[in-house]
Protein backbone atom coordinates (compact mmCIF):
# COMPACT_ATOMS: atom_id res chain seq x y z
CA MET A 1 132.92 150.39 -113.61
CA SER A 2 134.42 147.08 -114.63
CA ALA A 3 132.15 144.18 -115.50
CA ASP A 4 132.50 140.54 -116.53
CA PRO A 5 130.03 139.61 -119.30
CA ASP A 6 129.86 136.02 -117.99
CA CYS A 7 129.22 136.97 -114.35
CA ILE A 8 125.67 136.46 -113.07
CA PHE A 9 126.00 139.36 -110.61
CA CYS A 10 127.30 141.68 -113.34
CA LYS A 11 124.24 140.68 -115.38
CA ILE A 12 122.02 141.64 -112.44
CA LEU A 13 123.80 145.01 -112.23
CA ALA A 14 123.30 145.54 -115.97
CA GLY A 15 119.58 144.76 -115.68
CA GLU A 16 119.93 141.62 -117.81
CA LEU A 17 118.75 139.36 -114.97
CA PRO A 18 116.09 140.10 -112.35
CA ALA A 19 116.82 140.67 -108.67
CA THR A 20 114.84 141.90 -105.70
CA ILE A 21 116.93 144.90 -104.69
CA VAL A 22 116.65 146.03 -101.07
CA ASP A 23 119.39 148.67 -100.91
CA GLN A 24 121.80 150.43 -103.25
CA ASP A 25 124.20 153.30 -103.38
CA GLU A 26 126.92 154.61 -105.69
CA HIS A 27 129.24 151.65 -105.01
CA THR A 28 127.00 148.73 -103.93
CA VAL A 29 123.79 146.86 -104.54
CA SER A 30 122.04 144.58 -102.03
CA PHE A 31 119.49 142.04 -103.17
CA MET A 32 117.64 139.02 -101.86
CA ASP A 33 119.36 135.65 -102.21
CA ILE A 34 117.26 133.32 -104.38
CA HIS A 35 118.50 130.35 -102.31
CA PRO A 36 117.98 131.80 -98.83
CA ALA A 37 119.40 130.12 -95.74
CA THR A 38 116.83 131.95 -93.58
CA ARG A 39 114.05 134.49 -94.08
CA GLY A 40 115.57 137.77 -95.25
CA HIS A 41 118.92 136.36 -96.48
CA ALA A 42 120.44 138.94 -98.82
CA LEU A 43 123.68 139.55 -100.71
CA VAL A 44 125.73 142.74 -100.88
CA ILE A 45 127.95 143.25 -103.93
CA PRO A 46 130.18 145.99 -105.29
CA ARG A 47 129.08 147.54 -108.58
CA ALA A 48 132.61 147.06 -109.93
CA HIS A 49 133.44 143.44 -110.69
CA SER A 50 136.01 141.87 -108.41
CA ARG A 51 136.49 138.12 -108.38
CA ASP A 52 136.91 137.74 -104.62
CA LEU A 53 138.25 139.18 -101.36
CA LEU A 54 141.82 138.97 -102.63
CA SER A 55 141.11 141.13 -105.67
CA ILE A 56 138.58 143.73 -104.48
CA GLU A 57 139.74 147.34 -104.33
CA PRO A 58 139.93 148.72 -100.76
CA ASN A 59 137.33 151.46 -101.38
CA ASP A 60 134.86 148.90 -102.78
CA LEU A 61 135.49 146.58 -99.82
CA GLU A 62 134.79 149.43 -97.43
CA ALA A 63 131.58 150.33 -99.27
CA VAL A 64 130.37 146.71 -99.21
CA ALA A 65 131.16 146.37 -95.49
CA LEU A 66 129.21 149.55 -94.70
CA ALA A 67 126.27 148.38 -96.85
CA ALA A 68 126.30 145.00 -95.08
CA LYS A 69 126.16 146.80 -91.73
CA ARG A 70 123.19 148.89 -92.93
CA LEU A 71 121.42 145.74 -94.03
CA ALA A 72 122.21 143.91 -90.77
CA GLU A 73 120.65 146.82 -88.85
CA ARG A 74 117.50 146.58 -91.02
CA VAL A 75 117.31 142.81 -90.50
CA ASN A 76 117.18 143.34 -86.75
CA GLU A 77 114.78 146.27 -86.90
CA TYR A 78 112.33 145.19 -89.61
CA LEU A 79 112.48 141.38 -89.57
CA GLY A 80 112.91 140.92 -85.84
CA ALA A 81 116.03 138.78 -86.22
CA ASP A 82 117.74 137.68 -83.05
CA GLY A 83 121.17 137.91 -84.69
CA VAL A 84 122.90 138.01 -88.05
CA ASN A 85 125.70 136.15 -89.79
CA VAL A 86 127.83 138.18 -92.19
CA ILE A 87 129.74 135.74 -94.37
CA ASN A 88 132.15 135.92 -97.29
CA SER A 89 133.52 132.86 -99.07
CA CYS A 90 136.80 133.36 -100.93
CA GLY A 91 137.65 130.60 -103.38
CA ALA A 92 135.97 127.36 -104.35
CA ALA A 93 137.48 125.51 -101.37
CA ALA A 94 135.69 128.03 -99.11
CA TRP A 95 132.33 127.42 -100.88
CA GLN A 96 132.43 130.45 -103.18
CA THR A 97 130.13 129.62 -106.09
CA VAL A 98 129.70 133.01 -107.78
CA PHE A 99 133.03 134.64 -108.54
CA HIS A 100 132.01 138.25 -107.99
CA PHE A 101 132.88 139.43 -104.48
CA HIS A 102 129.83 139.34 -102.25
CA ILE A 103 128.84 139.24 -98.61
CA HIS A 104 125.92 137.20 -97.32
CA VAL A 105 123.80 138.93 -94.70
CA ILE A 106 121.88 136.08 -93.07
CA PRO A 107 119.28 136.88 -90.41
CA ARG A 108 119.31 134.43 -87.53
CA TYR A 109 116.26 133.55 -85.48
CA LYS A 110 116.11 131.61 -82.22
CA GLY A 111 115.43 128.00 -83.15
CA ASP A 112 116.10 128.39 -86.89
CA PRO A 113 117.47 125.20 -88.47
CA LEU A 114 120.57 126.74 -90.07
CA ARG A 115 123.84 125.20 -88.88
CA LEU A 116 127.23 126.30 -90.06
CA PRO A 117 129.66 123.49 -90.98
CA TRP A 118 132.20 124.43 -88.31
CA VAL A 119 131.77 123.59 -84.68
CA PRO A 120 134.30 125.46 -82.51
CA GLY A 121 136.51 123.29 -80.37
CA PRO A 122 139.95 123.51 -78.77
CA GLY A 123 142.89 123.57 -81.15
CA ASP A 124 146.41 122.21 -80.83
CA PRO A 125 148.42 124.99 -79.11
CA VAL A 126 151.62 124.01 -80.93
CA GLU A 127 149.92 124.18 -84.34
CA ILE A 128 148.23 127.47 -83.44
CA ALA A 129 151.62 128.95 -82.51
CA ALA A 130 153.23 127.58 -85.69
CA ALA A 131 150.51 129.08 -87.91
CA ALA A 132 150.80 132.40 -86.05
CA ALA A 133 154.56 132.42 -86.61
CA GLN A 134 154.03 131.86 -90.34
CA LEU A 135 151.43 134.63 -90.50
CA ASN A 136 153.91 136.92 -88.77
CA GLY A 137 156.47 136.16 -91.48
CA SER A 138 158.73 133.87 -89.46
CA THR A 139 160.38 131.09 -91.46
CA ASP A 140 161.39 129.02 -88.41
């Protein structure tokens, strides 16, 4: 498995830094976030170092997604969460602070104070169509 000697999550995987592990398998490790957004907030990481979503190998991404689902199910069953946010930040502009791919599994409880920085609202239909055309490969 690849590792980055300067990566805090690789150091956790190597046993050089402590973590409260709540789940693990051949490809992933899940541990409690030390800066939790809500009670039970945990992180799921691949054992192999990948900087972000754009660089993770497909099999590792699949393993992390399945581990996040397992953890989300436990959050509902054992912590009595009313919902769960599953979040990945890719790149500094998207608030990624540790550059080892990870998914946040954040239990949500009715009335909890956590607010995400985006409030959905109607978009500009012309801009939506233009972005869709670019994503479809159109150069017009």
